[in-house]
Amino acid sequence: MRTIIKGKQTELTTTIRAYIEAKIIGPATRIIGKGDALLEVELSHASRHHRKGNIWRVEVNLKIGKTLLRAEEEGEDPHAVIDAVENELLREIKSFKGKKQTKDIRTARKIKKVLKKI
C-alpha cells in the first residue's frame, strides 16, 4: 500500500509523523494488506476565519481500486483528532469489507438454492 502524509499550513514533526504511522497507517495496512491501495493523510490547521483557537483538521482518503473511503475530523489536540479519524476510518474499512463478504455469502446461498432444485 502506498502512503502519502502531508502537512498543510503546518510543518509535520517526527513525533506527529510517527503517531500517524502508528495509529492510521499500521492498522489500515494490517486490515487491507499490501495490495494496490493508496492512503493519503493530510494534517492541517483549520481556517481561522470562522473558528478561533488552535483547531487541527485531519483528512484521510483511502483508495482501493475504484472505491474511495474517506474520513475527516477536527479538534483542538492533534493527537485526539488523529485518534478520532482512526476510529472512523476503521469503521469505513470494516463496512467496505463486510459488504464484499455479504455479497459472496448471498451468491453462495443462491447457488445452493438452485442446486437443491436440480
N, C-alpha and C. Protein backbone atom coordinates (compact mmCIF):
# COMPACT_ATOMS: atom_id res chain seq x y z
N MET A 1 0.85 -1.16 0.00
CA MET A 1 0.00 0.00 0.00
C MET A 1 0.91 1.23 0.00
N ARG A 2 0.58 2.15 -0.89
CA ARG A 2 1.32 3.40 -0.95
C ARG A 2 0.71 4.39 0.04
N THR A 3 1.56 5.17 0.68
CA THR A 3 1.07 6.15 1.64
C THR A 3 1.66 7.52 1.35
N ILE A 4 0.86 8.54 1.57
CA ILE A 4 1.28 9.93 1.42
C ILE A 4 0.83 10.68 2.67
N ILE A 5 1.78 11.31 3.35
CA ILE A 5 1.46 12.11 4.54
C ILE A 5 1.82 13.55 4.23
N LYS A 6 0.82 14.45 4.35
CA LYS A 6 1.04 15.86 4.03
C LYS A 6 0.73 16.72 5.25
N GLY A 7 1.42 17.83 5.35
CA GLY A 7 1.12 18.85 6.33
C GLY A 7 0.75 20.13 5.60
N LYS A 8 -0.42 20.65 5.89
CA LYS A 8 -0.88 21.85 5.20
C LYS A 8 -0.98 22.98 6.23
N GLN A 9 -0.35 24.09 5.95
CA GLN A 9 -0.28 25.25 6.83
C GLN A 9 0.42 24.92 8.15
N THR A 10 1.17 23.83 8.16
CA THR A 10 1.94 23.44 9.33
C THR A 10 3.08 22.52 8.90
N GLU A 11 4.08 22.42 9.73
CA GLU A 11 5.19 21.53 9.44
C GLU A 11 5.02 20.27 10.29
N LEU A 12 5.11 19.11 9.67
CA LEU A 12 4.97 17.86 10.40
C LEU A 12 6.25 17.53 11.14
N THR A 13 6.13 17.35 12.44
CA THR A 13 7.29 16.95 13.23
C THR A 13 7.43 15.44 13.15
N THR A 14 8.56 14.94 13.58
CA THR A 14 8.79 13.50 13.53
C THR A 14 7.86 12.76 14.49
N THR A 15 7.51 13.39 15.62
CA THR A 15 6.61 12.73 16.57
C THR A 15 5.20 12.61 16.00
N ILE A 16 4.72 13.66 15.35
CA ILE A 16 3.39 13.61 14.73
C ILE A 16 3.38 12.59 13.59
N ARG A 17 4.43 12.60 12.78
CA ARG A 17 4.53 11.64 11.66
C ARG A 17 4.54 10.20 12.19
N ALA A 18 5.29 9.95 13.25
CA ALA A 18 5.35 8.60 13.84
C ALA A 18 4.00 8.22 14.43
N TYR A 19 3.30 9.18 15.05
CA TYR A 19 1.97 8.91 15.62
C TYR A 19 0.97 8.57 14.52
N ILE A 20 1.04 9.27 13.40
CA ILE A 20 0.15 8.98 12.27
C ILE A 20 0.44 7.59 11.72
N GLU A 21 1.73 7.25 11.60
CA GLU A 21 2.08 5.92 11.09
C GLU A 21 1.61 4.83 12.04
N ALA A 22 1.70 5.05 13.34
CA ALA A 22 1.29 4.04 14.31
C ALA A 22 -0.22 3.90 14.40
N LYS A 23 -0.95 5.01 14.33
CA LYS A 23 -2.39 4.98 14.56
C LYS A 23 -3.23 4.77 13.31
N ILE A 24 -2.78 5.24 12.17
CA ILE A 24 -3.60 5.16 10.96
C ILE A 24 -3.02 4.18 9.95
N ILE A 25 -1.75 4.34 9.62
CA ILE A 25 -1.16 3.54 8.55
C ILE A 25 -1.00 2.08 8.98
N GLY A 26 -0.54 1.85 10.20
CA GLY A 26 -0.34 0.48 10.68
C GLY A 26 -1.61 -0.37 10.67
N PRO A 27 -2.67 0.07 11.35
CA PRO A 27 -3.90 -0.71 11.34
C PRO A 27 -4.53 -0.87 9.95
N ALA A 28 -4.45 0.17 9.14
CA ALA A 28 -5.01 0.08 7.78
C ALA A 28 -4.25 -0.94 6.96
N THR A 29 -2.94 -0.99 7.11
CA THR A 29 -2.13 -1.96 6.38
C THR A 29 -2.44 -3.38 6.85
N ARG A 30 -2.64 -3.57 8.16
CA ARG A 30 -2.95 -4.90 8.67
C ARG A 30 -4.30 -5.39 8.15
N ILE A 31 -5.28 -4.51 8.05
CA ILE A 31 -6.62 -4.92 7.61
C ILE A 31 -6.68 -5.09 6.11
N ILE A 32 -6.16 -4.13 5.36
CA ILE A 32 -6.23 -4.14 3.89
C ILE A 32 -5.21 -5.09 3.30
N GLY A 33 -4.02 -5.13 3.85
CA GLY A 33 -2.93 -5.92 3.28
C GLY A 33 -2.07 -5.05 2.39
N LYS A 34 -1.11 -5.68 1.75
CA LYS A 34 -0.19 -4.92 0.90
C LYS A 34 -0.61 -5.05 -0.54
N GLY A 35 -1.76 -4.55 -0.86
CA GLY A 35 -2.28 -4.60 -2.22
C GLY A 35 -2.11 -3.28 -2.93
N ASP A 36 -2.92 -3.09 -3.94
CA ASP A 36 -2.88 -1.87 -4.73
C ASP A 36 -3.84 -0.85 -4.12
N ALA A 37 -3.38 -0.18 -3.07
CA ALA A 37 -4.21 0.82 -2.39
C ALA A 37 -3.36 2.07 -2.16
N LEU A 38 -4.04 3.21 -2.08
CA LEU A 38 -3.37 4.48 -1.84
C LEU A 38 -4.00 5.13 -0.62
N LEU A 39 -3.19 5.42 0.39
CA LEU A 39 -3.66 6.05 1.61
C LEU A 39 -3.03 7.44 1.71
N GLU A 40 -3.88 8.47 1.72
CA GLU A 40 -3.41 9.85 1.84
C GLU A 40 -3.88 10.42 3.18
N VAL A 41 -2.96 10.96 3.95
CA VAL A 41 -3.27 11.57 5.24
C VAL A 41 -2.84 13.03 5.17
N GLU A 42 -3.75 13.94 5.50
CA GLU A 42 -3.43 15.37 5.47
C GLU A 42 -3.77 15.97 6.82
N LEU A 43 -2.78 16.59 7.44
CA LEU A 43 -2.95 17.26 8.73
C LEU A 43 -2.78 18.75 8.49
N SER A 44 -3.74 19.55 8.96
CA SER A 44 -3.65 20.99 8.71
C SER A 44 -4.31 21.77 9.84
N HIS A 45 -3.99 23.04 9.85
CA HIS A 45 -4.73 23.97 10.72
C HIS A 45 -5.98 24.38 9.96
N ALA A 46 -7.10 24.39 10.66
CA ALA A 46 -8.35 24.79 10.03
C ALA A 46 -8.34 26.29 9.77
N SER A 47 -9.23 26.73 8.91
CA SER A 47 -9.34 28.15 8.59
C SER A 47 -9.61 28.95 9.85
N ARG A 48 -8.96 30.05 9.97
CA ARG A 48 -9.14 30.88 11.15
C ARG A 48 -10.24 31.91 10.97
N HIS A 49 -10.93 31.84 9.87
CA HIS A 49 -11.96 32.82 9.57
C HIS A 49 -13.16 32.67 10.51
N HIS A 50 -13.67 31.45 10.66
CA HIS A 50 -14.88 31.25 11.45
C HIS A 50 -14.61 30.66 12.83
N ARG A 51 -13.49 30.01 13.02
CA ARG A 51 -13.22 29.35 14.29
C ARG A 51 -12.00 29.96 14.94
N LYS A 52 -12.08 30.17 16.24
CA LYS A 52 -10.96 30.75 16.96
C LYS A 52 -10.24 29.66 17.72
N GLY A 53 -8.97 29.87 17.95
CA GLY A 53 -8.18 28.92 18.70
C GLY A 53 -7.32 28.08 17.79
N ASN A 54 -6.70 27.11 18.38
CA ASN A 54 -5.79 26.22 17.68
C ASN A 54 -6.57 24.99 17.21
N ILE A 55 -7.19 25.05 16.05
CA ILE A 55 -8.03 23.98 15.53
C ILE A 55 -7.24 23.17 14.51
N TRP A 56 -7.17 21.86 14.76
CA TRP A 56 -6.48 20.93 13.85
C TRP A 56 -7.51 20.16 13.04
N ARG A 57 -7.14 19.81 11.82
CA ARG A 57 -8.03 19.06 10.93
C ARG A 57 -7.22 17.94 10.30
N VAL A 58 -7.75 16.73 10.37
CA VAL A 58 -7.12 15.57 9.74
C VAL A 58 -8.08 14.99 8.72
N GLU A 59 -7.58 14.77 7.53
CA GLU A 59 -8.38 14.18 6.45
C GLU A 59 -7.64 12.96 5.92
N VAL A 60 -8.35 11.83 5.81
CA VAL A 60 -7.76 10.59 5.33
C VAL A 60 -8.57 10.08 4.15
N ASN A 61 -7.89 9.81 3.04
CA ASN A 61 -8.51 9.22 1.87
C ASN A 61 -7.82 7.90 1.58
N LEU A 62 -8.60 6.83 1.49
CA LEU A 62 -8.07 5.51 1.18
C LEU A 62 -8.73 5.04 -0.10
N LYS A 63 -7.93 4.90 -1.14
CA LYS A 63 -8.46 4.49 -2.44
C LYS A 63 -8.06 3.04 -2.68
N ILE A 64 -9.07 2.19 -2.79
CA ILE A 64 -8.87 0.77 -3.05
C ILE A 64 -9.56 0.48 -4.38
N GLY A 65 -8.79 0.33 -5.42
CA GLY A 65 -9.37 0.14 -6.75
C GLY A 65 -10.14 1.38 -7.15
N LYS A 66 -11.43 1.22 -7.40
CA LYS A 66 -12.28 2.35 -7.77
C LYS A 66 -13.03 2.93 -6.58
N THR A 67 -12.87 2.32 -5.41
CA THR A 67 -13.60 2.74 -4.23
C THR A 67 -12.78 3.71 -3.41
N LEU A 68 -13.41 4.78 -2.95
CA LEU A 68 -12.76 5.78 -2.12
C LEU A 68 -13.41 5.77 -0.74
N LEU A 69 -12.62 5.48 0.28
CA LEU A 69 -13.07 5.54 1.67
C LEU A 69 -12.47 6.80 2.27
N ARG A 70 -13.31 7.58 2.96
CA ARG A 70 -12.90 8.91 3.39
C ARG A 70 -13.29 9.13 4.84
N ALA A 71 -12.40 9.78 5.60
CA ALA A 71 -12.68 10.13 6.99
C ALA A 71 -12.02 11.47 7.29
N GLU A 72 -12.70 12.31 8.05
CA GLU A 72 -12.12 13.59 8.44
C GLU A 72 -12.66 13.99 9.80
N GLU A 73 -11.82 14.68 10.56
CA GLU A 73 -12.18 15.15 11.90
C GLU A 73 -11.50 16.48 12.18
N GLU A 74 -12.07 17.23 13.13
CA GLU A 74 -11.50 18.49 13.58
C GLU A 74 -11.49 18.51 15.10
N GLY A 75 -10.51 19.20 15.68
CA GLY A 75 -10.44 19.32 17.13
C GLY A 75 -9.28 20.19 17.53
N GLU A 76 -9.09 20.33 18.85
CA GLU A 76 -8.05 21.22 19.35
C GLU A 76 -6.72 20.52 19.57
N ASP A 77 -6.72 19.22 19.81
CA ASP A 77 -5.48 18.48 20.05
C ASP A 77 -5.20 17.58 18.85
N PRO A 78 -4.01 17.67 18.24
CA PRO A 78 -3.76 16.85 17.05
C PRO A 78 -3.80 15.35 17.33
N HIS A 79 -3.36 14.93 18.52
CA HIS A 79 -3.38 13.50 18.85
C HIS A 79 -4.81 13.00 19.00
N ALA A 80 -5.67 13.79 19.62
CA ALA A 80 -7.07 13.39 19.78
C ALA A 80 -7.78 13.33 18.43
N VAL A 81 -7.45 14.25 17.55
CA VAL A 81 -8.07 14.27 16.22
C VAL A 81 -7.61 13.06 15.41
N ILE A 82 -6.34 12.69 15.53
CA ILE A 82 -5.83 11.51 14.83
C ILE A 82 -6.50 10.25 15.36
N ASP A 83 -6.71 10.17 16.68
CA ASP A 83 -7.41 9.02 17.26
C ASP A 83 -8.85 8.92 16.74
N ALA A 84 -9.54 10.06 16.67
CA ALA A 84 -10.92 10.07 16.20
C ALA A 84 -11.02 9.66 14.74
N VAL A 85 -10.11 10.15 13.91
CA VAL A 85 -10.16 9.81 12.49
C VAL A 85 -9.76 8.34 12.28
N GLU A 86 -8.93 7.82 13.18
CA GLU A 86 -8.57 6.40 13.10
C GLU A 86 -9.82 5.52 13.30
N ASN A 87 -10.61 5.86 14.32
CA ASN A 87 -11.84 5.09 14.58
C ASN A 87 -12.79 5.16 13.40
N GLU A 88 -12.95 6.33 12.83
CA GLU A 88 -13.86 6.50 11.70
C GLU A 88 -13.36 5.73 10.47
N LEU A 89 -12.06 5.77 10.21
CA LEU A 89 -11.50 5.06 9.06
C LEU A 89 -11.64 3.56 9.23
N LEU A 90 -11.37 3.04 10.43
CA LEU A 90 -11.52 1.60 10.66
C LEU A 90 -12.96 1.16 10.49
N ARG A 91 -13.90 1.99 10.91
CA ARG A 91 -15.32 1.68 10.72
C ARG A 91 -15.66 1.61 9.23
N GLU A 92 -15.12 2.57 8.45
CA GLU A 92 -15.35 2.58 7.00
C GLU A 92 -14.76 1.33 6.34
N ILE A 93 -13.55 0.94 6.74
CA ILE A 93 -12.89 -0.23 6.15
C ILE A 93 -13.67 -1.50 6.48
N LYS A 94 -14.10 -1.65 7.73
CA LYS A 94 -14.86 -2.84 8.11
C LYS A 94 -16.19 -2.91 7.37
N SER A 95 -16.83 -1.77 7.17
CA SER A 95 -18.08 -1.73 6.41
C SER A 95 -17.84 -2.14 4.97
N PHE A 96 -16.76 -1.66 4.37
CA PHE A 96 -16.42 -2.00 2.99
C PHE A 96 -16.15 -3.49 2.85
N LYS A 97 -15.36 -4.05 3.76
CA LYS A 97 -15.04 -5.47 3.69
C LYS A 97 -16.28 -6.32 3.98
N GLY A 98 -17.13 -5.85 4.89
CA GLY A 98 -18.36 -6.58 5.22
C GLY A 98 -19.31 -6.67 4.04
N LYS A 99 -19.40 -5.61 3.25
CA LYS A 99 -20.27 -5.62 2.08
C LYS A 99 -19.81 -6.66 1.07
N LYS A 100 -18.50 -6.78 0.90
CA LYS A 100 -17.96 -7.75 -0.04
C LYS A 100 -18.24 -9.18 0.43
N GLN A 101 -18.03 -9.43 1.72
CA GLN A 101 -18.29 -10.76 2.26
C GLN A 101 -19.77 -11.11 2.20
N THR A 102 -20.63 -10.15 2.49
CA THR A 102 -22.06 -10.38 2.44
C THR A 102 -22.52 -10.72 1.03
N LYS A 103 -21.95 -10.03 0.06
CA LYS A 103 -22.31 -10.31 -1.34
C LYS A 103 -21.89 -11.73 -1.72
N ASP A 104 -20.73 -12.16 -1.28
CA ASP A 104 -20.27 -13.52 -1.56
C ASP A 104 -21.18 -14.56 -0.92
N ILE A 105 -21.61 -14.31 0.31
CA ILE A 105 -22.50 -15.24 1.01
C ILE A 105 -23.84 -15.32 0.31
N ARG A 106 -24.39 -14.17 -0.10
CA ARG A 106 -25.67 -14.18 -0.81
C ARG A 106 -25.58 -14.96 -2.10
N THR A 107 -24.49 -14.79 -2.83
CA THR A 107 -24.30 -15.52 -4.09
C THR A 107 -24.22 -17.01 -3.83
N ALA A 108 -23.50 -17.41 -2.78
CA ALA A 108 -23.39 -18.83 -2.45
C ALA A 108 -24.74 -19.42 -2.08
N ARG A 109 -25.56 -18.66 -1.35
CA ARG A 109 -26.90 -19.14 -0.98
C ARG A 109 -27.78 -19.33 -2.21
N LYS A 110 -27.69 -18.40 -3.17
CA LYS A 110 -28.47 -18.54 -4.40
C LYS A 110 -28.05 -19.77 -5.19
N ILE A 111 -26.76 -20.01 -5.27
CA ILE A 111 -26.27 -21.19 -6.00
C ILE A 111 -26.74 -22.46 -5.30
N LYS A 112 -26.69 -22.49 -3.99
CA LYS A 112 -27.12 -23.65 -3.23
C LYS A 112 -28.61 -23.91 -3.45
N LYS A 113 -29.39 -22.85 -3.49
CA LYS A 113 -30.83 -22.97 -3.71
C LYS A 113 -31.12 -23.55 -5.10
N VAL A 114 -30.39 -23.09 -6.11
CA VAL A 114 -30.57 -23.59 -7.47
C VAL A 114 -30.16 -25.05 -7.56
N LEU A 115 -29.07 -25.43 -6.90
CA LEU A 115 -28.60 -26.80 -6.94
C LEU A 115 -29.57 -27.76 -6.23
N LYS A 116 -30.26 -27.30 -5.19
CA LYS A 116 -31.24 -28.13 -4.50
C LYS A 116 -32.43 -28.46 -5.39
N LYS A 117 -32.78 -27.52 -6.27
CA LYS A 117 -33.93 -27.73 -7.16
C LYS A 117 -33.61 -28.76 -8.23
N ILE A 118 -32.35 -28.90 -8.57
CA ILE A 118 -31.96 -29.84 -9.64
C ILE A 118 -31.91 -31.21 -9.11
